[in-house]
Amino acid sequence: MKNKLRFIMIFILSCIFIVSVSMIVRQQIQYRENDADHAVAIQTAGLTQQRQTNALGLVQPETKEEIAAILAKINLSALREINEDVVGWIEIPNTIVSYPLLQGKNNQYYLNHTWQKESNSAGSIFLECTNNSDFSDFHTIIYGHRMNNEAMFGTLKYYKDLTYWQEHPSIYISTDSGVRRYDIFAAYKASTKSIVYQLNLVGQEKDFIQFCLDHSVIDTQFFPTSEDQILTLSTCTGNGHAARWVVQAYLAQVYAQSESPEMADETI
């Protein structure tokens, strides 16, 4: 009887071990596929090897104008030849966040599909499906997974540290009409049922901004107004689905597209 129980226990533990190893192997394969997908995006977008290195945080940061000038040259048309759902490119300078920005017909597809429409648990960085793709809404939400290898939105968790915010204060989005710079003003854990995930905020703009400021775990001394346009980056916390980690920014400057080396800009 004891030998039989021992055999059963060994069998169960062996099964658990095999499943665990299989999951780890599958995860590593998915990571490698996601890295390859990212490399294709970088190349298709026309970013140089130096720019790719910069996106990984391995070179000195550029000025705001230099960043905008580089991002203005991203070949969105070439990306759309592969996937028509590409609406822009998102980057947080000197971090790994440098990806095509997608918008699907719903908020489910790009949770587990790459920008090349390949099945992958890392998914894509994507715009809320009900937001205007020209970023004209008062409040725009962008989603991305918090990957264990820090890909996608895996580094947003570091915005709980004021020093990290000081080193990475802005989010850039390149679109057909120009490059938009958003300056980060808040970061915190938010309930999925809170005002953070509401888009129809007509008449509630001041309440929304106050909620963001009151809940932020960092004090940036930036105080947006109801006249500003707000961008929310949303990712999971790693602790269930009832709450998300959000990093929020307001539109600070739009760098208009220009064919000349010097870009025209409009301060908001």
Protein backbone atom coordinates (compact mmCIF):
# COMPACT_ATOMS: atom_id res chain seq x y z
CA MET A 1 0.00 0.00 0.00
CA LYS A 2 2.81 2.38 0.92
CA ASN A 3 4.63 1.61 -2.33
CA LYS A 4 1.46 2.27 -4.28
CA LEU A 5 0.94 5.65 -2.57
CA ARG A 6 4.59 6.51 -3.17
CA PHE A 7 4.21 5.66 -6.86
CA ILE A 8 1.08 7.82 -7.11
CA MET A 9 2.83 10.76 -5.43
CA ILE A 10 5.87 10.43 -7.69
CA PHE A 11 3.58 10.27 -10.72
CA ILE A 12 1.64 13.39 -9.65
CA LEU A 13 4.81 15.36 -8.91
CA SER A 14 6.32 14.26 -12.22
CA CYS A 15 3.23 15.48 -14.07
CA ILE A 16 3.37 18.81 -12.26
CA PHE A 17 7.05 19.15 -13.14
CA ILE A 18 6.47 18.33 -16.80
CA VAL A 19 3.59 20.80 -17.06
CA SER A 20 5.63 23.51 -15.34
CA VAL A 21 8.62 23.00 -17.62
CA SER A 22 6.33 22.97 -20.66
CA MET A 23 4.79 26.28 -19.59
CA ILE A 24 8.22 27.84 -19.08
CA VAL A 25 9.43 26.61 -22.47
CA ARG A 26 6.27 27.87 -24.17
CA GLN A 27 6.66 31.25 -22.47
CA GLN A 28 10.25 31.56 -23.64
CA ILE A 29 9.22 30.68 -27.20
CA GLN A 30 6.52 33.36 -27.05
CA TYR A 31 9.08 35.89 -25.76
CA ARG A 32 11.45 35.10 -28.64
CA GLU A 33 8.64 35.38 -31.16
CA ASN A 34 7.60 38.72 -29.66
CA ASP A 35 11.18 40.00 -29.83
CA ALA A 36 11.38 38.99 -33.49
CA ASP A 37 8.06 40.70 -34.17
CA HIS A 38 9.36 43.86 -32.49
CA ALA A 39 12.51 43.77 -34.63
CA VAL A 40 10.40 43.55 -37.79
CA ALA A 41 8.37 46.54 -36.62
CA ILE A 42 11.53 48.58 -35.98
CA GLN A 43 12.90 47.73 -39.41
CA THR A 44 9.61 48.30 -41.25
CA ALA A 45 9.11 51.64 -39.51
CA GLY A 46 12.49 52.77 -40.83
CA LEU A 47 14.14 53.32 -37.48
CA THR A 48 17.92 53.05 -37.62
CA GLN A 49 20.00 50.58 -35.62
CA GLN A 50 21.05 53.49 -33.39
CA ARG A 51 17.40 54.32 -32.79
CA GLN A 52 16.62 50.70 -32.00
CA THR A 53 19.41 50.69 -29.44
CA ASN A 54 18.03 53.90 -27.98
CA ALA A 55 14.60 52.33 -27.64
CA LEU A 56 16.23 49.69 -25.45
CA GLY A 57 17.71 52.38 -23.21
CA LEU A 58 21.36 51.82 -24.10
CA VAL A 59 22.37 55.27 -25.36
CA GLN A 60 22.18 58.82 -24.07
CA PRO A 61 18.75 60.48 -24.39
CA GLU A 62 18.08 62.99 -27.16
CA THR A 63 16.41 66.38 -26.81
CA LYS A 64 12.64 66.59 -27.16
CA GLU A 65 13.02 68.08 -30.61
CA GLU A 66 15.42 65.36 -31.75
CA ILE A 67 13.09 62.64 -30.51
CA ALA A 68 10.15 64.22 -32.33
CA ALA A 69 12.19 64.63 -35.53
CA ILE A 70 13.14 60.95 -35.54
CA LEU A 71 9.63 59.75 -34.80
CA ALA A 72 8.19 62.02 -37.50
CA LYS A 73 10.08 59.95 -40.07
CA ILE A 74 8.51 56.65 -39.04
CA ASN A 75 7.03 54.94 -42.10
CA LEU A 76 3.47 54.32 -40.97
CA SER A 77 2.43 53.51 -44.55
CA ALA A 78 4.88 50.61 -44.66
CA LEU A 79 3.52 49.30 -41.36
CA ARG A 80 -0.04 49.55 -42.71
CA GLU A 81 0.90 47.49 -45.74
CA ILE A 82 1.32 44.64 -43.23
CA ASN A 83 -1.58 45.64 -40.96
CA GLU A 84 -4.17 48.28 -41.80
CA ASP A 85 -5.03 48.61 -38.08
CA VAL A 86 -1.82 50.58 -37.38
CA VAL A 87 -2.82 54.09 -36.24
CA GLY A 88 0.59 55.31 -35.08
CA TRP A 89 3.73 54.58 -33.12
CA ILE A 90 4.18 54.97 -29.35
CA GLU A 91 7.48 55.57 -27.61
CA ILE A 92 8.75 56.42 -24.15
CA PRO A 93 12.33 57.49 -24.88
CA ASN A 94 15.14 55.39 -23.43
CA THR A 95 12.81 52.55 -22.46
CA ILE A 96 11.75 49.43 -24.31
CA VAL A 97 8.36 51.07 -25.03
CA SER A 98 8.72 51.70 -28.77
CA TYR A 99 5.96 49.90 -30.66
CA PRO A 100 3.38 50.16 -33.42
CA LEU A 101 0.07 51.37 -32.03
CA LEU A 102 -2.97 49.37 -33.15
CA GLN A 103 -6.72 49.91 -32.98
CA GLY A 104 -9.05 46.99 -33.54
CA LYS A 105 -12.80 46.71 -33.88
CA ASN A 106 -12.88 45.50 -30.27
CA ASN A 107 -10.55 45.42 -27.25
CA GLN A 108 -10.04 41.65 -27.34
CA TYR A 109 -8.19 40.82 -30.55
CA TYR A 110 -4.88 42.56 -29.80
CA LEU A 111 -4.72 41.15 -26.30
CA ASN A 112 -3.26 38.01 -27.87
CA HIS A 113 -2.25 38.98 -31.40
CA THR A 114 0.87 40.81 -32.54
CA TRP A 115 0.87 43.80 -34.86
CA GLN A 116 1.43 41.28 -37.67
CA LYS A 117 -1.75 39.49 -36.58
CA GLU A 118 0.12 36.45 -35.31
CA SER A 119 -1.19 34.66 -32.21
CA ASN A 120 1.01 35.52 -29.20
CA SER A 121 0.25 35.98 -25.50
CA ALA A 122 2.23 39.25 -25.48
CA GLY A 123 -0.36 40.82 -27.77
CA SER A 124 0.13 44.38 -28.99
CA ILE A 125 -0.06 47.93 -27.74
CA PHE A 126 -3.52 49.09 -28.77
CA LEU A 127 -5.88 52.03 -28.60
CA GLU A 128 -9.30 51.75 -26.92
CA CYS A 129 -11.60 50.73 -29.76
CA THR A 130 -14.14 53.50 -29.06
CA ASN A 131 -11.57 56.31 -28.98
CA ASN A 132 -11.06 58.52 -32.02
CA SER A 133 -7.94 57.36 -33.85
CA ASP A 134 -6.82 60.98 -34.35
CA PHE A 135 -6.42 61.42 -30.57
CA SER A 136 -8.92 64.27 -30.51
CA ASP A 137 -10.84 62.97 -27.46
CA PHE A 138 -10.50 64.57 -24.05
CA HIS A 139 -9.51 61.14 -22.68
CA THR A 140 -7.71 58.46 -24.68
CA ILE A 141 -6.78 55.02 -23.32
CA ILE A 142 -3.98 52.77 -24.60
CA TYR A 143 -3.65 49.17 -23.38
CA GLY A 144 -0.68 46.81 -23.18
CA HIS A 145 0.36 43.70 -21.26
CA ARG A 146 2.76 43.80 -18.32
CA MET A 147 5.17 41.11 -19.49
CA ASN A 148 7.53 39.38 -17.06
CA ASN A 149 10.47 40.14 -19.36
CA GLU A 150 9.41 43.84 -19.24
CA ALA A 151 8.33 43.90 -22.89
CA MET A 152 5.21 45.81 -23.99
CA PHE A 153 4.06 47.83 -20.93
CA GLY A 154 6.18 45.81 -18.49
CA THR A 155 8.22 48.85 -17.42
CA LEU A 156 5.28 51.08 -16.50
CA LYS A 157 5.42 49.66 -12.96
CA TYR A 158 8.57 51.70 -12.36
CA TYR A 159 6.59 54.93 -12.42
CA LYS A 160 5.85 54.40 -8.75
CA ASP A 161 9.34 55.87 -8.29
CA LEU A 162 9.66 59.63 -8.76
CA THR A 163 13.25 59.25 -9.96
CA TYR A 164 12.12 56.98 -12.79
CA TRP A 165 9.54 59.57 -13.82
CA GLN A 166 12.21 62.28 -13.82
CA GLU A 167 14.32 60.16 -16.17
CA HIS A 168 11.36 59.23 -18.44
CA PRO A 169 8.88 62.11 -18.17
CA SER A 170 7.17 61.98 -21.57
CA ILE A 171 5.24 59.75 -23.95
CA TYR A 172 5.48 60.35 -27.70
CA ILE A 173 2.95 59.24 -30.29
CA SER A 174 3.67 59.56 -33.98
CA THR A 175 0.64 59.79 -36.28
CA ASP A 176 -0.05 60.83 -39.87
CA SER A 177 -0.59 64.41 -38.74
CA GLY A 178 2.51 64.79 -36.59
CA VAL A 179 4.19 63.80 -33.34
CA ARG A 180 2.36 64.37 -30.07
CA ARG A 181 4.28 64.72 -26.80
CA TYR A 182 2.41 63.93 -23.60
CA ASP A 183 4.00 64.83 -20.27
CA ILE A 184 3.31 62.35 -17.46
CA PHE A 185 1.56 63.75 -14.38
CA ALA A 186 0.19 60.72 -12.49
CA ALA A 187 0.71 56.99 -11.86
CA TYR A 188 -1.33 54.68 -9.62
CA LYS A 189 -3.46 51.55 -9.28
CA ALA A 190 -7.04 52.10 -10.45
CA SER A 191 -10.19 50.01 -10.24
CA THR A 192 -11.54 48.96 -13.62
CA LYS A 193 -14.89 50.36 -12.43
CA SER A 194 -13.48 53.79 -11.59
CA ILE A 195 -13.80 57.00 -13.58
CA VAL A 196 -10.40 56.24 -15.11
CA TYR A 197 -12.04 53.82 -17.54
CA GLN A 198 -14.85 56.16 -18.54
CA LEU A 199 -14.63 57.95 -21.85
CA ASN A 200 -17.83 59.99 -21.94
CA LEU A 201 -16.71 62.59 -19.43
CA VAL A 202 -18.59 65.65 -20.65
CA GLY A 203 -19.12 67.86 -17.61
CA GLN A 204 -16.87 65.61 -15.47
CA GLU A 205 -13.47 66.73 -16.76
CA LYS A 206 -12.45 68.52 -13.55
CA ASP A 207 -13.60 65.61 -11.36
CA PHE A 208 -11.67 63.18 -13.54
CA ILE A 209 -8.42 65.16 -13.32
CA GLN A 210 -8.81 65.63 -9.57
CA PHE A 211 -9.31 61.88 -9.16
CA CYS A 212 -6.08 61.25 -11.07
CA LEU A 213 -4.11 63.75 -8.98
CA ASP A 214 -5.56 62.50 -5.68
CA HIS A 215 -4.66 58.88 -6.41
CA SER A 216 -1.21 59.37 -7.94
CA VAL A 217 1.66 57.83 -5.98
CA ILE A 218 4.10 60.36 -7.45
CA ASP A 219 3.95 64.12 -7.08
CA THR A 220 5.02 65.60 -10.41
CA GLN A 221 3.75 69.12 -9.72
CA PHE A 222 1.95 68.99 -13.08
CA PHE A 223 -1.71 69.99 -12.87
CA PRO A 224 -3.68 69.49 -16.10
CA THR A 225 -6.91 71.40 -16.65
CA SER A 226 -10.21 70.45 -18.26
CA GLU A 227 -8.94 72.12 -21.44
CA ASP A 228 -6.11 69.57 -21.78
CA GLN A 229 -6.25 66.22 -23.55
CA ILE A 230 -5.44 63.29 -21.26
CA LEU A 231 -3.71 60.05 -22.22
CA THR A 232 -3.94 56.94 -20.01
CA LEU A 233 -1.59 53.98 -20.44
CA SER A 234 -3.19 50.94 -18.84
CA THR A 235 -1.64 47.60 -17.89
CA CYS A 236 -2.26 44.85 -15.36
CA THR A 237 -0.96 44.91 -11.80
CA GLY A 238 -0.07 41.23 -11.59
CA ASN A 239 -2.67 40.84 -8.82
CA GLY A 240 -5.98 39.92 -10.39
CA HIS A 241 -8.24 41.67 -12.88
CA ALA A 242 -10.20 44.09 -10.66
CA ALA A 243 -7.55 46.80 -10.87
CA ARG A 244 -5.02 48.10 -13.37
CA TRP A 245 -1.82 50.10 -13.14
CA VAL A 246 -2.15 53.37 -15.04
CA VAL A 247 0.30 56.06 -16.12
CA GLN A 248 -1.35 59.28 -17.21
CA ALA A 249 -0.12 62.25 -19.20
CA TYR A 250 -1.47 65.44 -20.75
CA LEU A 251 -0.84 66.71 -24.26
CA ALA A 252 2.02 69.19 -23.92
CA GLN A 253 3.15 69.74 -27.50
CA VAL A 254 2.39 68.80 -31.07
CA TYR A 255 5.25 68.73 -33.56
CA ALA A 256 3.69 69.21 -36.98
CA GLN A 257 4.88 67.17 -39.93
CA SER A 258 7.39 69.06 -42.08
CA GLU A 259 9.42 68.14 -45.11
CA SER A 260 12.28 70.36 -43.99
CA PRO A 261 14.97 69.14 -41.58
CA GLU A 262 13.69 71.56 -38.98
CA MET A 263 10.24 70.67 -37.73
CA ALA A 264 7.57 73.24 -37.09
CA ASP A 265 5.98 72.91 -33.69
CA GLU A 266 2.92 74.09 -31.89
CA THR A 267 2.93 74.46 -28.14
CA ILE A 268 -0.29 73.46 -26.47
